[in-house]
Protein backbone atom coordinates (compact mmCIF):
# COMPACT_ATOMS: atom_id res chain seq x y z
CA ARG A 1 111.65 46.77 191.31
CA HIS A 2 112.03 43.63 193.14
CA TRP A 3 109.29 42.33 194.06
CA GLN A 4 106.44 41.04 191.85
CA LEU A 5 102.34 40.12 192.65
CA ALA A 6 100.91 37.62 189.86
CA LEU A 7 96.98 37.35 189.83
CA ALA A 8 95.12 34.84 187.52
CA PHE A 9 91.71 33.23 187.51
CA ASP A 10 90.44 30.88 184.42
CA HIS A 11 88.02 28.50 183.63
CA LEU A 12 88.51 25.75 181.32
CA ARG A 13 85.91 23.12 179.69
CA THR A 14 87.05 20.40 177.71
CA ASP A 15 84.43 18.09 175.25
CA MET A 16 85.28 14.43 175.16
CA LYS A 17 83.53 13.19 171.80
CA GLN A 18 84.60 9.21 171.51
CA ALA A 19 82.42 6.05 169.18
CA ASP A 20 84.24 2.38 169.26
CA GLU A 21 82.35 -0.37 168.25
CA PHE A 22 82.73 -2.10 171.94
CA PRO A 23 80.85 -0.08 175.36
CA LEU A 24 83.34 2.67 176.48
CA MET A 25 83.65 3.09 180.37
CA TYR A 26 83.82 6.59 182.04
CA ILE A 27 84.29 6.78 186.19
CA GLY A 28 83.34 3.17 186.22
CA ASP A 29 80.42 3.23 184.39
CA LEU A 30 79.34 1.60 181.23
CA PHE A 31 78.19 3.63 178.28
CA GLY A 32 77.15 2.69 174.41
CA THR A 33 79.06 1.95 171.97
CA ARG A 34 79.42 6.70 171.34
CA PHE A 35 80.64 8.72 174.20
CA GLU A 36 80.07 12.30 174.93
CA GLY A 37 80.59 14.90 178.09
CA TYR A 38 82.56 17.14 179.36
CA VAL A 39 84.45 18.37 181.93
CA THR A 40 84.23 21.76 183.56
CA ASN A 41 87.15 23.07 186.27
CA THR A 42 87.90 26.93 187.56
CA THR A 43 91.68 28.21 188.96
CA TYR A 44 92.54 30.38 190.84
CA THR A 45 96.27 31.02 190.98
CA GLU A 46 98.93 34.15 192.73
CA GLU A 47 102.45 33.94 193.22
CA LEU A 48 104.45 36.53 194.95
CA GLY A 49 108.29 36.74 194.01
CA TYR A 50 111.35 38.33 194.41
CA ARG A 51 114.32 38.91 192.47
CA LYS A 52 117.87 40.89 192.69
CA ARG A 53 121.82 40.70 191.67
CA PHE A 54 124.58 39.79 194.68
CA GLY A 55 127.28 40.46 193.22
CA MET A 56 127.92 37.93 190.44
CA HIS A 57 124.92 36.67 191.89
CA LEU A 58 121.28 36.73 190.71
CA LEU A 59 118.62 35.13 192.83
CA SER A 60 114.94 34.63 192.18
CA THR A 61 112.88 33.46 195.32
CA GLY A 62 109.03 33.30 195.78
CA ILE A 63 105.97 31.09 196.73
CA LYS A 64 102.47 30.18 194.04
CA MET A 65 99.40 29.88 194.96
CA ARG A 66 97.10 27.19 193.69
CA GLN A 67 93.14 26.26 194.05
CA LYS A 68 91.83 24.99 191.76
CA ARG A 69 88.29 23.43 191.55
CA LEU A 70 86.17 20.33 189.51
CA ASP A 71 82.62 21.47 189.36
CA ARG A 72 81.49 19.05 186.99
CA VAL A 73 81.31 16.09 185.18
CA VAL A 74 78.84 15.57 182.53
CA ALA A 75 78.99 12.05 180.34
CA ASN A 76 75.85 11.42 177.43
CA GLY A 77 73.78 14.52 179.34
CA THR A 78 74.27 12.61 182.93
CA ARG A 79 76.37 14.35 185.08
CA HIS A 80 78.50 12.62 187.29
CA ALA A 81 80.04 12.65 190.91
CA ALA A 82 84.05 12.36 191.10
CA THR A 83 85.93 10.91 193.50
CA PHE A 84 87.88 14.33 194.26
CA THR A 85 86.46 18.05 194.14
CA LYS A 86 89.02 19.88 194.81
CA GLU A 87 93.35 20.28 194.24
CA ASP A 88 94.87 22.99 196.17
CA SER A 89 99.00 23.36 195.43
CA TYR A 90 101.34 25.63 197.65
CA ALA A 91 105.01 25.75 196.02
CA PHE A 92 108.37 27.28 197.08
CA TYR A 93 111.27 28.47 194.73
CA LEU A 94 114.58 29.26 194.83
CA GLN A 95 116.91 29.80 191.70
CA ASP A 96 120.74 31.10 191.83
CA GLN A 97 122.10 32.18 188.40
CA TRP A 98 125.84 32.50 188.87
CA SER A 99 127.97 34.53 186.25
CA LEU A 100 131.48 32.91 186.27
CA SER A 101 133.17 35.22 184.13
CA GLN A 102 131.18 37.37 180.67
CA ASP A 103 130.70 34.22 179.08
CA GLN A 104 130.08 31.03 181.26
CA LEU A 105 127.15 30.51 183.66
CA LEU A 106 126.36 28.42 186.01
CA ASN A 107 122.01 27.94 187.25
CA LEU A 108 120.81 25.65 189.81
CA GLY A 109 117.39 25.74 191.11
CA ALA A 110 115.16 24.08 192.98
CA GLU A 111 111.23 24.13 193.98
CA TYR A 112 108.88 21.78 196.01
CA ILE A 113 105.19 21.22 195.35
CA ARG A 114 102.92 19.94 198.10
CA MET A 115 99.46 18.69 195.94
CA GLN A 116 96.50 18.68 198.47
CA ARG A 117 92.68 16.93 197.24
CA ASN A 118 89.61 16.19 199.14
CA GLY A 119 87.96 12.26 197.96
CA THR A 120 89.98 8.91 196.90
CA ILE A 121 92.51 10.52 195.58
CA LYS A 122 96.40 10.47 197.63
CA ASN A 123 98.01 14.25 198.14
CA ASP A 124 101.64 14.19 196.31
CA ASP A 125 105.01 16.46 196.99
CA LEU A 126 106.58 17.55 194.28
CA LEU A 127 110.58 18.04 194.56
CA GLN A 128 112.03 19.75 191.00
CA LEU A 129 116.11 19.80 190.90
CA ARG A 130 118.07 21.86 188.25
CA LEU A 131 121.94 22.61 187.55
CA GLY A 132 123.44 23.96 184.57
CA TYR A 133 126.12 25.46 183.08
CA ILE A 134 126.12 27.73 179.97
CA TYR A 135 128.93 28.62 177.01
CA ALA A 136 128.97 31.17 174.79
CA ALA A 137 131.23 33.05 172.20
CA GLU A 138 130.55 34.88 169.50
CA HIS A 139 130.11 31.71 167.07
CA TRP A 140 129.75 28.84 169.04
CA GLY A 141 127.93 27.93 172.40
CA TYR A 142 127.19 24.44 174.89
CA LYS A 143 125.32 24.17 177.32
CA ALA A 144 124.23 21.04 180.02
CA TYR A 145 121.69 20.56 182.66
CA LEU A 146 121.85 17.91 185.30
CA TYR A 147 117.53 17.73 186.40
CA ARG A 148 115.27 16.13 187.92
CA VAL A 149 111.09 16.59 186.97
CA MET A 150 108.46 15.29 188.95
CA PHE A 151 104.78 15.74 188.14
CA ASN A 152 101.88 13.98 188.83
CA VAL A 153 99.02 12.26 187.02
CA ASP A 154 95.74 13.90 186.29
CA PRO A 155 93.34 13.00 189.22
CA VAL A 156 90.58 14.22 186.30
CA ILE A 157 92.39 10.47 184.68
CA ARG A 158 92.53 9.01 187.88
CA SER A 159 89.06 8.95 188.44
CA PHE A 160 88.05 7.01 185.17
CA ARG A 161 88.72 3.80 186.89
CA VAL A 162 88.91 2.08 184.31
CA ILE A 163 92.09 1.01 185.84
CA ASN A 164 91.73 2.24 189.55
CA PHE A 165 94.71 4.96 189.53
CA ASP A 166 93.85 6.74 192.68
CA ALA A 167 97.00 6.12 194.64
CA THR A 168 99.46 5.98 191.68
CA ARG A 169 102.29 8.06 192.52
CA THR A 170 103.96 10.76 191.19
CA GLN A 171 106.31 10.69 187.91
CA LYS A 172 109.75 10.94 188.20
CA THR A 173 111.82 12.09 185.32
CA SER A 174 115.89 12.20 185.39
CA ALA A 175 117.44 13.84 182.78
CA PHE A 176 121.06 15.02 182.05
CA SER A 177 121.69 17.26 178.26
CA GLN A 178 124.64 18.65 176.30
CA GLU A 179 123.89 20.75 173.15
CA LEU A 180 126.69 22.72 171.37
CA TRP A 181 125.69 24.99 168.32
CA TYR A 182 127.44 27.15 166.51
CA GLN A 183 126.00 30.35 164.35
CA SER A 184 128.33 32.90 161.36
CA GLY A 185 126.73 34.16 158.07
CA LYS A 186 124.57 31.80 156.65
CA LEU A 187 125.01 29.02 158.51
CA ASN A 188 122.82 27.95 161.58
CA SER A 189 124.14 24.24 162.75
CA ARG A 190 123.45 22.99 166.67
CA VAL A 191 123.92 18.97 167.80
CA LEU A 192 121.74 17.80 171.00
CA PHE A 193 122.44 14.93 173.20
CA LEU A 194 120.07 13.64 175.77
CA LEU A 195 119.70 11.00 178.20
CA THR A 196 116.63 10.30 180.09
CA GLN A 197 115.05 8.00 182.64
CA ASN A 198 111.61 7.94 183.15
CA LYS A 199 109.81 6.05 186.41
CA ASP A 200 106.73 5.80 185.36
CA THR A 201 104.29 4.48 188.21
CA PHE A 202 101.30 5.41 186.07
CA LEU A 203 102.00 1.78 184.00
CA THR A 204 103.88 0.07 186.78
CA GLN A 205 100.38 -0.38 187.69
CA ILE A 206 99.95 -2.09 184.69
CA GLY A 207 102.73 -4.28 184.51
CA SER A 208 105.51 -1.89 183.16
CA ASP A 209 108.48 -0.11 184.16
CA SER A 210 110.85 2.94 184.09
CA THR A 211 112.00 3.43 180.70
CA LYS A 212 115.26 4.70 179.95
CA THR A 213 116.08 7.27 176.00
CA LEU A 214 118.36 8.36 174.83
CA SER A 215 118.00 11.33 171.68
CA ILE A 216 120.56 13.24 169.75
CA VAL A 217 119.19 15.58 167.87
CA SER A 218 120.95 17.25 164.81
CA ASP A 219 119.71 20.23 163.38
CA GLY A 220 120.42 23.59 160.95
CA SER A 221 119.77 26.34 158.60
CA TYR A 222 121.82 28.01 155.60
CA ARG A 223 120.45 30.82 153.88
CA PHE A 224 121.93 31.07 149.79
CA ASP A 225 120.33 34.74 149.43
CA ALA A 226 117.78 37.62 150.86
CA TYR A 227 115.37 34.75 148.64
CA GLY A 228 115.76 31.20 150.09
CA GLN A 229 116.79 28.83 153.11
CA LEU A 230 117.69 25.58 153.78
CA ARG A 231 116.50 23.45 157.53
CA TRP A 232 117.68 20.52 158.37
CA GLN A 233 116.72 17.66 161.13
CA LEU A 234 118.33 14.12 161.86
CA HIS A 235 117.04 12.26 164.95
CA PHE A 236 117.95 9.47 166.15
CA ALA A 237 116.23 7.79 169.57
CA ARG A 238 117.03 4.78 171.51
CA PHE A 239 114.00 3.18 173.66
CA LYS A 240 114.35 0.78 177.39
CA ASN A 241 112.20 -0.95 178.46
CA ILE A 242 109.06 0.99 177.15
CA PHE A 243 105.23 -0.67 176.53
CA GLY A 244 106.76 -3.48 176.99
CA ILE A 245 108.97 -3.73 174.23
CA LYS A 246 112.67 -4.03 175.56
CA LYS A 247 114.57 -2.11 172.92
CA LEU A 248 113.33 0.21 170.46
CA SER A 249 115.47 2.62 168.41
CA ASN A 250 113.71 5.52 165.70
CA TYR A 251 115.60 7.19 162.59
CA SER A 252 114.28 10.03 161.58
CA ALA A 253 115.28 13.18 158.62
CA PHE A 254 113.23 16.43 158.08
CA CYS A 255 114.72 18.47 155.20
CA ALA A 256 112.69 21.58 153.51
CA TYR A 257 113.58 24.54 151.40
CA GLU A 258 111.46 27.76 151.90
CA ILE A 259 111.57 30.46 149.10
CA ASP A 260 110.15 34.33 149.64
CA TRP A 261 110.57 36.32 146.58
CA GLU A 262 108.58 39.54 146.35
CA ASN A 263 104.36 38.34 146.48
CA LEU A 264 104.74 34.70 146.36
CA SER A 265 106.59 32.71 148.66
CA ALA A 266 107.05 28.37 148.80
CA TYR A 267 107.00 25.96 151.27
CA TRP A 268 108.62 22.26 150.44
CA GLY A 269 109.23 19.70 153.65
CA LEU A 270 109.67 16.06 153.27
CA LEU A 271 109.86 13.93 156.58
CA TRP A 272 111.67 10.23 156.64
CA ARG A 273 111.14 7.61 159.69
CA LYS A 274 112.32 4.20 160.52
CA ASP A 275 112.48 2.13 163.41
CA ASN A 276 113.32 -1.49 164.26
CA ILE A 277 109.85 -3.03 164.69
CA ASP A 278 108.96 -3.51 161.17
CA HIS A 279 112.77 -1.77 159.33
CA LYS A 280 109.83 -0.13 156.66
CA ASN A 281 110.70 3.50 155.25
CA TYR A 282 107.81 6.49 155.65
CA PHE A 283 107.55 9.30 154.01
CA ASP A 284 104.97 12.43 154.61
CA LEU A 285 105.84 15.12 151.88
CA SER A 286 104.31 18.63 152.35
CA ALA A 287 103.88 22.04 150.34
CA THR A 288 102.79 25.52 150.17
CA LEU A 289 102.23 27.50 147.48
CA ASN A 290 101.11 31.40 148.63
CA TRP A 291 100.27 34.40 146.17
CA ASP A 292 99.76 38.14 148.29
CA ILE A 293 97.09 39.12 145.60
CA THR A 294 96.81 42.51 148.01
CA PRO A 295 97.93 43.46 150.91
CA SER A 296 95.11 41.83 152.08
CA TRP A 297 94.41 38.86 150.01
CA ARG A 298 96.14 35.91 150.47
CA LEU A 299 95.45 33.32 148.30
CA SER A 300 97.14 29.99 149.41
CA LEU A 301 97.66 26.12 148.11
CA LYS A 302 98.39 23.58 150.78
CA GLY A 303 98.94 19.70 150.39
CA ASP A 304 100.09 17.42 153.36
CA ASN A 305 100.91 14.17 153.33
CA LEU A 306 101.13 14.53 149.53
CA LEU A 307 102.88 11.10 148.65
CA GLY A 308 100.02 8.72 150.91
CA LYS A 309 103.01 7.16 153.37
CA ALA A 310 103.01 8.64 156.38
CA LYS A 311 103.89 6.10 159.35
CA LYS A 312 99.79 5.23 161.71
CA THR A 313 99.96 5.41 164.66
CA LYS A 314 98.50 2.29 166.24
CA MET A 315 95.66 3.26 168.91
CA PHE A 316 95.52 0.34 171.75
CA ARG A 317 91.82 -0.04 173.15
CA LEU A 318 90.69 -2.28 176.22
CA ASP A 319 87.69 -3.48 176.64
CA PRO A 320 85.75 -2.67 179.71
CA ILE A 321 84.52 -5.42 180.73
CA THR A 322 87.11 -8.47 180.23
CA GLN A 323 89.91 -6.24 180.55
CA GLN A 324 91.55 -7.35 177.76
CA LEU A 325 93.83 -5.74 175.51
CA LEU A 326 92.09 -5.66 172.38
CA SER A 327 93.43 -5.68 167.91
CA PRO A 328 94.61 -2.18 168.11
CA VAL A 329 92.89 0.88 165.80
CA GLU A 330 95.72 2.06 163.06
CA VAL A 331 95.17 5.81 163.07
CA SER A 332 97.08 8.01 160.15
CA PRO A 333 98.63 11.23 162.05
CA ILE A 334 98.37 12.90 158.81
CA ASP A 335 95.59 12.90 156.13
CA LYS A 336 96.37 13.20 152.40
CA ARG A 337 95.01 16.42 152.12
CA VAL A 338 94.56 19.80 149.24
CA ILE A 339 93.88 22.78 150.17
CA LEU A 340 92.99 25.82 148.27
CA GLU A 341 92.53 28.49 150.91
CA ALA A 342 91.57 32.53 150.15
CA GLU A 343 92.60 34.75 153.24
CA TYR A 344 91.64 38.45 153.69
CA ARG A 345 93.71 39.93 156.79
CA PHE A 346 91.73 43.55 158.06
């Protein structure tokens, strides 16, 4: 079978709740210090694809269509009119997977997407491009990808009017990645190199510009025996021109040990993180102990952020009246907690 047809229907409701000591703004209106609302939309999707092998080439092509309708926007019990009510997209894609040899593959792909909307939200034209190479031997492999991805800022977000983003142009990310992996017996390891440039026109409207990122990741696992396994990851990232910061470096490491013995299993994981802003060391220790009392009953003891030293995230706020940035609120992504859990499996 070379032809494929897919049809889908989705109805989605997104609930939003927020509270602050300053008035909150949505859809151009000022609310009190608490906001509660929801957005509902309906989506119809159709896709017709064709896939066939020609010699050493596996060709895939097709068209995709989507009709999305914004049914309603409700804020604090009142229905509001958005700046658009429908979004239609039409896409055409073409991909060639070229088998250069038994262990080498070349991948070329392109996709064009046309986004059309009513109201004041502008239309978007997206062009995605991808070029990849893969080499896979018995114990090791290498792959490299060069690609460009375009996407548009969610139209509902544009409608919120804190700043007028109706005419925001499409976002563009260009990237080059390389990955080298090795697998032999008990050891699995991988090194990933990723270089990206993100032209974020959403941020350009509030004074930022394109961001360049270099990421290097090394991870792997080692199985000692049938019961125990060690997993790790080392990560380095360098950001240039991100939210007005000229250069930002981030370092992190993760190490975890897992054991599974008869009806007992346990997990210990330690996360470390540091950056060049405050030069502080942050830790997050998590642990889990599971006891399968019977095939149906499991008792678990879990702990998150047991050291209480996880890095807190700064949430920036905007005064809707003066349009000035307020002092950020520090929020911990993981609370320090211990959980006793009983589970019954039918």
